[in-house]
Amino acid sequence: MTKMVMVVYNEAIDIEVMEALQKCGLKNYTKAVAAYGSGETSGIHLGDDIWPGRNNILYVACSQEESISLLARIKELRRTLGKEGVKAFVLPVEEVA
């Protein structure tokens, strides 16, 4: 079963997130850089002087087993990096064309 893992994270930890992806053996992804937003624990990121910082978003289509592995790595990053801001969402993929 194919899953889509969406990882939203502070651009400051891009290297750490990309290393997590590599450690899972995942090579295919789509990255959206400089995303703005607001999170309950991470605060507001608008990339300006008042609300500095931006997020990146990774979209990774993978098997269920690979999604479990990536999710475990993201949970570990959350434990070690604390307030830096990283979350992962696992979504079902119904169809690929």
PDB file of N, CA and C in Angstrom:
ATOM      1  N   MET A   1       0.846  -1.180   0.000  1.00  0.00           N
ATOM      2  CA  MET A   1       0.000   0.000   0.000  1.00  0.00           C
ATOM      3  C   MET A   1       0.890   1.241   0.000  1.00  0.00           C
ATOM      4  N   THR A   2       0.628   2.143  -0.917  1.00  0.00           N
ATOM      5  CA  THR A   2       1.428   3.358  -1.027  1.00  0.00           C
ATOM      6  C   THR A   2       0.922   4.418  -0.068  1.00  0.00           C
ATOM      7  N   LYS A   3       1.857   5.126   0.543  1.00  0.00           N
ATOM      8  CA  LYS A   3       1.555   6.217   1.470  1.00  0.00           C
ATOM      9  C   LYS A   3       2.230   7.495   0.970  1.00  0.00           C
ATOM     10  N   MET A   4       1.704   8.626   1.387  1.00  0.00           N
ATOM     11  CA  MET A   4       2.347   9.914   1.154  1.00  0.00           C
ATOM     12  C   MET A   4       2.711  10.474   2.518  1.00  0.00           C
ATOM     13  N   VAL A   5       4.009  10.654   2.741  1.00  0.00           N
ATOM     14  CA  VAL A   5       4.453  11.264   3.985  1.00  0.00           C
ATOM     15  C   VAL A   5       4.751  12.726   3.677  1.00  0.00           C
ATOM     16  N   MET A   6       4.077  13.616   4.382  1.00  0.00           N
ATOM     17  CA  MET A   6       4.306  15.048   4.236  1.00  0.00           C
ATOM     18  C   MET A   6       5.038  15.511   5.488  1.00  0.00           C
ATOM     19  N   VAL A   7       6.241  16.011   5.309  1.00  0.00           N
ATOM     20  CA  VAL A   7       7.050  16.489   6.427  1.00  0.00           C
ATOM     21  C   VAL A   7       7.147  18.004   6.321  1.00  0.00           C
ATOM     22  N   VAL A   8       6.671  18.699   7.339  1.00  0.00           N
ATOM     23  CA  VAL A   8       6.727  20.158   7.404  1.00  0.00           C
ATOM     24  C   VAL A   8       7.729  20.510   8.494  1.00  0.00           C
ATOM     25  N   TYR A   9       8.717  21.340   8.136  1.00  0.00           N
ATOM     26  CA  TYR A   9       9.782  21.595   9.100  1.00  0.00           C
ATOM     27  C   TYR A   9      10.425  22.962   8.895  1.00  0.00           C
ATOM     28  N   ASN A  10      11.022  23.470   9.963  1.00  0.00           N
ATOM     29  CA  ASN A  10      11.744  24.734   9.929  1.00  0.00           C
ATOM     30  C   ASN A  10      12.932  24.599   8.983  1.00  0.00           C
ATOM     31  N   GLU A  11      13.111  25.585   8.102  1.00  0.00           N
ATOM     32  CA  GLU A  11      14.193  25.520   7.131  1.00  0.00           C
ATOM     33  C   GLU A  11      15.577  25.410   7.782  1.00  0.00           C
ATOM     34  N   ALA A  12      15.694  25.792   9.035  1.00  0.00           N
ATOM     35  CA  ALA A  12      16.977  25.734   9.739  1.00  0.00           C
ATOM     36  C   ALA A  12      17.464  24.301   9.951  1.00  0.00           C
ATOM     37  N   ILE A  13      16.549  23.323   9.878  1.00  0.00           N
ATOM     38  CA  ILE A  13      16.957  21.935  10.094  1.00  0.00           C
ATOM     39  C   ILE A  13      16.865  21.111   8.813  1.00  0.00           C
ATOM     40  N   ASP A  14      17.015  21.763   7.679  1.00  0.00           N
ATOM     41  CA  ASP A  14      16.919  21.068   6.397  1.00  0.00           C
ATOM     42  C   ASP A  14      17.919  19.916   6.298  1.00  0.00           C
ATOM     43  N   ILE A  15      19.144  20.130   6.720  1.00  0.00           N
ATOM     44  CA  ILE A  15      20.166  19.078   6.631  1.00  0.00           C
ATOM     45  C   ILE A  15      19.750  17.856   7.442  1.00  0.00           C
ATOM     46  N   GLU A  16      19.259  18.068   8.648  1.00  0.00           N
ATOM     47  CA  GLU A  16      18.865  16.962   9.513  1.00  0.00           C
ATOM     48  C   GLU A  16      17.696  16.170   8.916  1.00  0.00           C
ATOM     49  N   VAL A  17      16.731  16.871   8.335  1.00  0.00           N
ATOM     50  CA  VAL A  17      15.574  16.185   7.742  1.00  0.00           C
ATOM     51  C   VAL A  17      16.005  15.400   6.508  1.00  0.00           C
ATOM     52  N   MET A  18      16.859  15.983   5.675  1.00  0.00           N
ATOM     53  CA  MET A  18      17.323  15.287   4.485  1.00  0.00           C
ATOM     54  C   MET A  18      18.172  14.063   4.862  1.00  0.00           C
ATOM     55  N   GLU A  19      18.932  14.160   5.940  1.00  0.00           N
ATOM     56  CA  GLU A  19      19.697  13.002   6.426  1.00  0.00           C
ATOM     57  C   GLU A  19      18.752  11.894   6.895  1.00  0.00           C
ATOM     58  N   ALA A  20      17.654  12.251   7.541  1.00  0.00           N
ATOM     59  CA  ALA A  20      16.670  11.252   7.981  1.00  0.00           C
ATOM     60  C   ALA A  20      16.097  10.516   6.776  1.00  0.00           C
ATOM     61  N   LEU A  21      15.815  11.254   5.724  1.00  0.00           N
ATOM     62  CA  LEU A  21      15.306  10.650   4.492  1.00  0.00           C
ATOM     63  C   LEU A  21      16.323   9.675   3.910  1.00  0.00           C
ATOM     64  N   GLN A  22      17.577  10.111   3.877  1.00  0.00           N
ATOM     65  CA  GLN A  22      18.658   9.278   3.331  1.00  0.00           C
ATOM     66  C   GLN A  22      18.847   8.011   4.166  1.00  0.00           C
ATOM     67  N   LYS A  23      18.786   8.125   5.478  1.00  0.00           N
ATOM     68  CA  LYS A  23      18.969   6.965   6.353  1.00  0.00           C
ATOM     69  C   LYS A  23      17.863   5.923   6.164  1.00  0.00           C
ATOM     70  N   CYS A  24      16.710   6.369   5.679  1.00  0.00           N
ATOM     71  CA  CYS A  24      15.614   5.441   5.387  1.00  0.00           C
ATOM     72  C   CYS A  24      15.746   4.831   3.997  1.00  0.00           C
ATOM     73  N   GLY A  25      16.754   5.282   3.247  1.00  0.00           N
ATOM     74  CA  GLY A  25      16.953   4.766   1.902  1.00  0.00           C
ATOM     75  C   GLY A  25      15.982   5.335   0.879  1.00  0.00           C
ATOM     76  N   LEU A  26      15.344   6.441   1.226  1.00  0.00           N
ATOM     77  CA  LEU A  26      14.373   7.063   0.330  1.00  0.00           C
ATOM     78  C   LEU A  26      15.069   8.111  -0.540  1.00  0.00           C
ATOM     79  N   LYS A  27      14.944   7.965  -1.847  1.00  0.00           N
ATOM     80  CA  LYS A  27      15.626   8.868  -2.775  1.00  0.00           C
ATOM     81  C   LYS A  27      14.661   9.759  -3.544  1.00  0.00           C
ATOM     82  N   ASN A  28      13.392   9.395  -3.591  1.00  0.00           N
ATOM     83  CA  ASN A  28      12.413  10.143  -4.383  1.00  0.00           C
ATOM     84  C   ASN A  28      11.545  10.999  -3.472  1.00  0.00           C
ATOM     85  N   TYR A  29      11.504  12.279  -3.770  1.00  0.00           N
ATOM     86  CA  TYR A  29      10.713  13.213  -2.971  1.00  0.00           C
ATOM     87  C   TYR A  29      10.471  14.482  -3.767  1.00  0.00           C
ATOM     88  N   THR A  30       9.559  15.286  -3.290  1.00  0.00           N
ATOM     89  CA  THR A  30       9.340  16.632  -3.797  1.00  0.00           C
ATOM     90  C   THR A  30       9.496  17.568  -2.614  1.00  0.00           C
ATOM     91  N   LYS A  31      10.284  18.639  -2.798  1.00  0.00           N
ATOM     92  CA  LYS A  31      10.508  19.599  -1.724  1.00  0.00           C
ATOM     93  C   LYS A  31       9.976  20.969  -2.138  1.00  0.00           C
ATOM     94  N   ALA A  32       9.146  21.544  -1.283  1.00  0.00           N
ATOM     95  CA  ALA A  32       8.677  22.917  -1.455  1.00  0.00           C
ATOM     96  C   ALA A  32       9.412  23.763  -0.413  1.00  0.00           C
ATOM     97  N   VAL A  33      10.125  24.771  -0.862  1.00  0.00           N
ATOM     98  CA  VAL A  33      10.907  25.604   0.057  1.00  0.00           C
ATOM     99  C   VAL A  33      10.213  26.936   0.296  1.00  0.00           C
ATOM    100  N   ALA A  34      10.556  27.534   1.418  1.00  0.00           N
ATOM    101  CA  ALA A  34      10.086  28.869   1.806  1.00  0.00           C
ATOM    102  C   ALA A  34       8.572  28.925   1.964  1.00  0.00           C
ATOM    103  N   ALA A  35       8.006  27.948   2.653  1.00  0.00           N
ATOM    104  CA  ALA A  35       6.573  27.948   2.945  1.00  0.00           C
ATOM    105  C   ALA A  35       6.325  28.753   4.218  1.00  0.00           C
ATOM    106  N   TYR A  36       5.243  29.478   4.231  1.00  0.00           N
ATOM    107  CA  TYR A  36       4.866  30.269   5.397  1.00  0.00           C
ATOM    108  C   TYR A  36       3.738  29.581   6.135  1.00  0.00           C
ATOM    109  N   GLY A  37       3.637  29.858   7.442  1.00  0.00           N
ATOM    110  CA  GLY A  37       2.552  29.256   8.185  1.00  0.00           C
ATOM    111  C   GLY A  37       2.618  29.561   9.661  1.00  0.00           C
ATOM    112  N   SER A  38       1.714  28.946  10.383  1.00  0.00           N
ATOM    113  CA  SER A  38       1.615  29.137  11.815  1.00  0.00           C
ATOM    114  C   SER A  38       1.289  27.797  12.458  1.00  0.00           C
ATOM    115  N   GLY A  39       2.010  27.477  13.509  1.00  0.00           N
ATOM    116  CA  GLY A  39       1.771  26.238  14.233  1.00  0.00           C
ATOM    117  C   GLY A  39       1.612  26.505  15.708  1.00  0.00           C
ATOM    118  N   GLU A  40       0.848  25.659  16.362  1.00  0.00           N
ATOM    119  CA  GLU A  40       0.591  25.848  17.789  1.00  0.00           C
ATOM    120  C   GLU A  40       1.867  25.832  18.610  1.00  0.00           C
ATOM    121  N   THR A  41       2.787  24.921  18.293  1.00  0.00           N
ATOM    122  CA  THR A  41       4.029  24.832  19.066  1.00  0.00           C
ATOM    123  C   THR A  41       5.198  25.545  18.406  1.00  0.00           C
ATOM    124  N   SER A  42       5.164  25.699  17.085  1.00  0.00           N
ATOM    125  CA  SER A  42       6.310  26.309  16.398  1.00  0.00           C
ATOM    126  C   SER A  42       6.161  27.806  16.201  1.00  0.00           C
ATOM    127  N   GLY A  43       4.966  28.339  16.357  1.00  0.00           N
ATOM    128  CA  GLY A  43       4.748  29.774  16.191  1.00  0.00           C
ATOM    129  C   GLY A  43       4.514  30.156  14.743  1.00  0.00           C
ATOM    130  N   ILE A  44       4.567  31.464  14.491  1.00  0.00           N
ATOM    131  CA  ILE A  44       4.294  32.007  13.166  1.00  0.00           C
ATOM    132  C   ILE A  44       5.596  32.169  12.395  1.00  0.00           C
ATOM    133  N   HIS A  45       5.592  31.735  11.142  1.00  0.00           N
ATOM    134  CA  HIS A  45       6.739  31.892  10.244  1.00  0.00           C
ATOM    135  C   HIS A  45       6.252  32.556   8.966  1.00  0.00           C
ATOM    136  N   LEU A  46       6.596  33.836   8.797  1.00  0.00           N
ATOM    137  CA  LEU A  46       6.201  34.563   7.601  1.00  0.00           C
ATOM    138  C   LEU A  46       7.404  35.105   6.833  1.00  0.00           C
ATOM    139  N   GLY A  47       8.616  34.798   7.290  1.00  0.00           N
ATOM    140  CA  GLY A  47       9.814  35.206   6.578  1.00  0.00           C
ATOM    141  C   GLY A  47      10.057  36.698   6.568  1.00  0.00           C
ATOM    142  N   ASP A  48       9.508  37.423   7.543  1.00  0.00           N
ATOM    143  CA  ASP A  48       9.740  38.871   7.589  1.00  0.00           C
ATOM    144  C   ASP A  48      10.374  39.260   8.922  1.00  0.00           C
ATOM    145  N   ASP A  49      10.561  40.562   9.144  1.00  0.00           N
ATOM    146  CA  ASP A  49      11.220  41.026  10.371  1.00  0.00           C
ATOM    147  C   ASP A  49      10.386  40.762  11.623  1.00  0.00           C
ATOM    148  N   ILE A  50       9.089  40.810  11.492  1.00  0.00           N
ATOM    149  CA  ILE A  50       8.217  40.604  12.653  1.00  0.00           C
ATOM    150  C   ILE A  50       8.054  39.126  12.958  1.00  0.00           C
ATOM    151  N   TRP A  51       7.840  38.316  11.932  1.00  0.00           N
ATOM    152  CA  TRP A  51       7.657  36.870  12.087  1.00  0.00           C
ATOM    153  C   TRP A  51       8.711  36.151  11.236  1.00  0.00           C
ATOM    154  N   PRO A  52       9.964  36.138  11.705  1.00  0.00           N
ATOM    155  CA  PRO A  52      11.038  35.530  10.899  1.00  0.00           C
ATOM    156  C   PRO A  52      10.908  34.013  10.785  1.00  0.00           C
ATOM    157  N   GLY A  53      11.631  33.485   9.844  1.00  0.00           N
ATOM    158  CA  GLY A  53      11.665  32.041   9.644  1.00  0.00           C
ATOM    159  C   GLY A  53      10.696  31.585   8.576  1.00  0.00           C
ATOM    160  N   ARG A  54      11.050  30.470   7.975  1.00  0.00           N
ATOM    161  CA  ARG A  54      10.205  29.854   6.957  1.00  0.00           C
ATOM    162  C   ARG A  54      10.257  28.346   7.158  1.00  0.00           C
ATOM    163  N   ASN A  55       9.340  27.657   6.512  1.00  0.00           N
ATOM    164  CA  ASN A  55       9.303  26.209   6.568  1.00  0.00           C
ATOM    165  C   ASN A  55       9.607  25.628   5.198  1.00  0.00           C
ATOM    166  N   ASN A  56      10.008  24.388   5.188  1.00  0.00           N
ATOM    167  CA  ASN A  56      10.092  23.585   3.972  1.00  0.00           C
ATOM    168  C   ASN A  56       9.093  22.451   4.127  1.00  0.00           C
ATOM    169  N   ILE A  57       8.657  21.920   2.996  1.00  0.00           N
ATOM    170  CA  ILE A  57       7.729  20.788   3.013  1.00  0.00           C
ATOM    171  C   ILE A  57       8.266  19.714   2.082  1.00  0.00           C
ATOM    172  N   LEU A  58       8.362  18.494   2.598  1.00  0.00           N
ATOM    173  CA  LEU A  58       8.749  17.338   1.785  1.00  0.00           C
ATOM    174  C   LEU A  58       7.527  16.468   1.563  1.00  0.00           C
ATOM    175  N   TYR A  59       7.362  16.018   0.330  1.00  0.00           N
ATOM    176  CA  TYR A  59       6.338  15.042  -0.003  1.00  0.00           C
ATOM    177  C   TYR A  59       7.064  13.785  -0.451  1.00  0.00           C
ATOM    178  N   VAL A  60       6.812  12.673   0.231  1.00  0.00           N
ATOM    179  CA  VAL A  60       7.497  11.419  -0.068  1.00  0.00           C
ATOM    180  C   VAL A  60       6.459  10.319  -0.269  1.00  0.00           C
ATOM    181  N   ALA A  61       6.341   9.837  -1.500  1.00  0.00           N
ATOM    182  CA  ALA A  61       5.476   8.694  -1.776  1.00  0.00           C
ATOM    183  C   ALA A  61       6.305   7.438  -1.572  1.00  0.00           C
ATOM    184  N   CYS A  62       5.816   6.524  -0.737  1.00  0.00           N
ATOM    185  CA  CYS A  62       6.611   5.344  -0.391  1.00  0.00           C
ATOM    186  C   CYS A  62       5.693   4.220   0.079  1.00  0.00           C
ATOM    187  N   SER A  63       6.306   3.084   0.355  1.00  0.00           N
ATOM    188  CA  SER A  63       5.537   1.951   0.863  1.00  0.00           C
ATOM    189  C   SER A  63       5.143   2.202   2.321  1.00  0.00           C
ATOM    190  N   GLN A  64       4.222   1.411   2.809  1.00  0.00           N
ATOM    191  CA  GLN A  64       3.803   1.540   4.202  1.00  0.00           C
ATOM    192  C   GLN A  64       4.981   1.306   5.148  1.00  0.00           C
ATOM    193  N   GLU A  65       5.811   0.311   4.843  1.00  0.00           N
ATOM    194  CA  GLU A  65       6.972   0.009   5.685  1.00  0.00           C
ATOM    195  C   GLU A  65       7.954   1.193   5.697  1.00  0.00           C
ATOM    196  N   GLU A  66       8.180   1.784   4.534  1.00  0.00           N
ATOM    197  CA  GLU A  66       9.084   2.939   4.462  1.00  0.00           C
ATOM    198  C   GLU A  66       8.504   4.134   5.214  1.00  0.00           C
ATOM    199  N   SER A  67       7.190   4.299   5.163  1.00  0.00           N
ATOM    200  CA  SER A  67       6.567   5.417   5.884  1.00  0.00           C
ATOM    201  C   SER A  67       6.724   5.239   7.396  1.00  0.00           C
ATOM    202  N   ILE A  68       6.648   4.009   7.872  1.00  0.00           N
ATOM    203  CA  ILE A  68       6.844   3.733   9.298  1.00  0.00           C
ATOM    204  C   ILE A  68       8.271   4.084   9.706  1.00  0.00           C
ATOM    205  N   SER A  69       9.239   3.711   8.876  1.00  0.00           N
ATOM    206  CA  SER A  69      10.638   4.016   9.143  1.00  0.00           C
ATOM    207  C   SER A  69      10.891   5.524   9.164  1.00  0.00           C
ATOM    208  N   LEU A  70      10.353   6.236   8.166  1.00  0.00           N
ATOM    209  CA  LEU A  70      10.547   7.689   8.108  1.00  0.00           C
ATOM    210  C   LEU A  70       9.871   8.370   9.287  1.00  0.00           C
ATOM    211  N   LEU A  71       8.684   7.939   9.637  1.00  0.00           N
ATOM    212  CA  LEU A  71       7.976   8.516  10.766  1.00  0.00           C
ATOM    213  C   LEU A  71       8.766   8.342  12.063  1.00  0.00           C
ATOM    214  N   ALA A  72       9.391   7.189  12.234  1.00  0.00           N
ATOM    215  CA  ALA A  72      10.218   6.955  13.423  1.00  0.00           C
ATOM    216  C   ALA A  72      11.403   7.922  13.462  1.00  0.00           C
ATOM    217  N   ARG A  73      12.023   8.173  12.310  1.00  0.00           N
ATOM    218  CA  ARG A  73      13.155   9.120  12.245  1.00  0.00           C
ATOM    219  C   ARG A  73      12.693  10.539  12.558  1.00  0.00           C
ATOM    220  N   ILE A  74      11.527  10.915  12.070  1.00  0.00           N
ATOM    221  CA  ILE A  74      11.006  12.260  12.342  1.00  0.00           C
ATOM    222  C   ILE A  74      10.672  12.403  13.831  1.00  0.00           C
ATOM    223  N   LYS A  75      10.103  11.367  14.422  1.00  0.00           N
ATOM    224  CA  LYS A  75       9.823  11.402  15.862  1.00  0.00           C
ATOM    225  C   LYS A  75      11.111  11.577  16.659  1.00  0.00           C
ATOM    226  N   GLU A  76      12.179  10.924  16.220  1.00  0.00           N
ATOM    227  CA  GLU A  76      13.478  11.075  16.884  1.00  0.00           C
ATOM    228  C   GLU A  76      13.984  12.507  16.746  1.00  0.00           C
ATOM    229  N   LEU A  77      13.829  13.113  15.570  1.00  0.00           N
ATOM    230  CA  LEU A  77      14.224  14.515  15.392  1.00  0.00           C
ATOM    231  C   LEU A  77      13.428  15.417  16.325  1.00  0.00           C
ATOM    232  N   ARG A  78      12.153  15.161  16.472  1.00  0.00           N
ATOM    233  CA  ARG A  78      11.328  15.970  17.373  1.00  0.00           C
ATOM    234  C   ARG A  78      11.830  15.876  18.814  1.00  0.00           C
ATOM    235  N   ARG A  79      12.268  14.685  19.207  1.00  0.00           N
ATOM    236  CA  ARG A  79      12.788  14.507  20.565  1.00  0.00           C
ATOM    237  C   ARG A  79      14.118  15.238  20.749  1.00  0.00           C
ATOM    238  N   THR A  80      14.989  15.168  19.748  1.00  0.00           N
ATOM    239  CA  THR A  80      16.327  15.737  19.907  1.00  0.00           C
ATOM    240  C   THR A  80      16.403  17.236  19.622  1.00  0.00           C
ATOM    241  N   LEU A  81      15.551  17.741  18.732  1.00  0.00           N
ATOM    242  CA  LEU A  81      15.636  19.151  18.339  1.00  0.00           C
ATOM    243  C   LEU A  81      14.639  20.047  19.048  1.00  0.00           C
ATOM    244  N   GLY A  82      13.666  19.472  19.702  1.00  0.00           N
ATOM    245  CA  GLY A  82      12.715  20.258  20.482  1.00  0.00           C
ATOM    246  C   GLY A  82      11.954  21.294  19.683  1.00  0.00           C
ATOM    247  N   LYS A  83      12.152  22.561  19.990  1.00  0.00           N
ATOM    248  CA  LYS A  83      11.349  23.640  19.435  1.00  0.00           C
ATOM    249  C   LYS A  83      11.699  24.025  17.999  1.00  0.00           C
ATOM    250  N   GLU A  84      12.643  23.377  17.380  1.00  0.00           N
ATOM    251  CA  GLU A  84      13.018  23.737  16.013  1.00  0.00           C
ATOM    252  C   GLU A  84      11.880  23.556  15.029  1.00  0.00           C
ATOM    253  N   GLY A  85      10.991  22.649  15.297  1.00  0.00           N
ATOM    254  CA  GLY A  85       9.788  22.508  14.484  1.00  0.00           C
ATOM    255  C   GLY A  85       9.897  21.517  13.352  1.00  0.00           C
ATOM    256  N   VAL A  86       9.336  20.346  13.547  1.00  0.00           N
ATOM    257  CA  VAL A  86       9.221  19.347  12.487  1.00  0.00           C
ATOM    258  C   VAL A  86       8.023  18.456  12.814  1.00  0.00           C
ATOM    259  N   LYS A  87       7.181  18.231  11.815  1.00  0.00           N
ATOM    260  CA  LYS A  87       6.039  17.335  11.960  1.00  0.00           C
ATOM    261  C   LYS A  87       5.893  16.537  10.689  1.00  0.00           C
ATOM    262  N   ALA A  88       5.389  15.312  10.837  1.00  0.00           N
ATOM    263  CA  ALA A  88       5.144  14.455   9.677  1.00  0.00           C
ATOM    264  C   ALA A  88       3.693  13.991   9.712  1.00  0.00           C
ATOM    265  N   PHE A  89       3.116  13.912   8.526  1.00  0.00           N
ATOM    266  CA  PHE A  89       1.742  13.464   8.351  1.00  0.00           C
ATOM    267  C   PHE A  89       1.759  12.330   7.337  1.00  0.00           C
ATOM    268  N   VAL A  90       1.101  11.228   7.660  1.00  0.00           N
ATOM    269  CA  VAL A  90       1.047  10.085   6.739  1.00  0.00           C
ATOM    270  C   VAL A  90      -0.367  10.026   6.158  1.00  0.00           C
ATOM    271  N   LEU A  91      -0.422  10.066   4.821  1.00  0.00           N
ATOM    272  CA  LEU A  91      -1.694  10.087   4.113  1.00  0.00           C
ATOM    273  C   LEU A  91      -1.773   8.880   3.173  1.00  0.00           C
ATOM    274  N   PRO A  92      -2.966   8.334   2.965  1.00  0.00           N
ATOM    275  CA  PRO A  92      -3.093   7.241   2.007  1.00  0.00           C
ATOM    276  C   PRO A  92      -3.019   7.775   0.570  1.00  0.00           C
ATOM    277  N   VAL A  93      -2.442   6.992  -0.316  1.00  0.00           N
ATOM    278  CA  VAL A  93      -2.417   7.342  -1.739  1.00  0.00           C
ATOM    279  C   VAL A  93      -3.412   6.415  -2.423  1.00  0.00           C
ATOM    280  N   GLU A  94      -4.454   6.974  -2.946  1.00  0.00           N
ATOM    281  CA  GLU A  94      -5.505   6.167  -3.550  1.00  0.00           C
ATOM    282  C   GLU A  94      -5.202   5.790  -4.992  1.00  0.00           C
ATOM    283  N   GLU A  95      -4.502   6.689  -5.709  1.00  0.00           N
ATOM    284  CA  GLU A  95      -4.246   6.429  -7.111  1.00  0.00           C
ATOM    285  C   GLU A  95      -3.021   7.217  -7.567  1.00  0.00           C
ATOM    286  N   VAL A  96      -2.251   6.624  -8.458  1.00  0.00           N
ATOM    287  CA  VAL A  96      -1.102   7.301  -9.061  1.00  0.00           C
ATOM    288  C   VAL A  96      -1.252   7.216 -10.577  1.00  0.00           C
ATOM    289  N   ALA A  97      -1.157   8.341 -11.253  1.00  0.00           N
ATOM    290  CA  ALA A  97      -1.317   8.351 -12.703  1.00  0.00           C
ATOM    291  C   ALA A  97      -0.025   8.819 -13.367  1.00  0.00           C
TER     292      ALA A  97
END
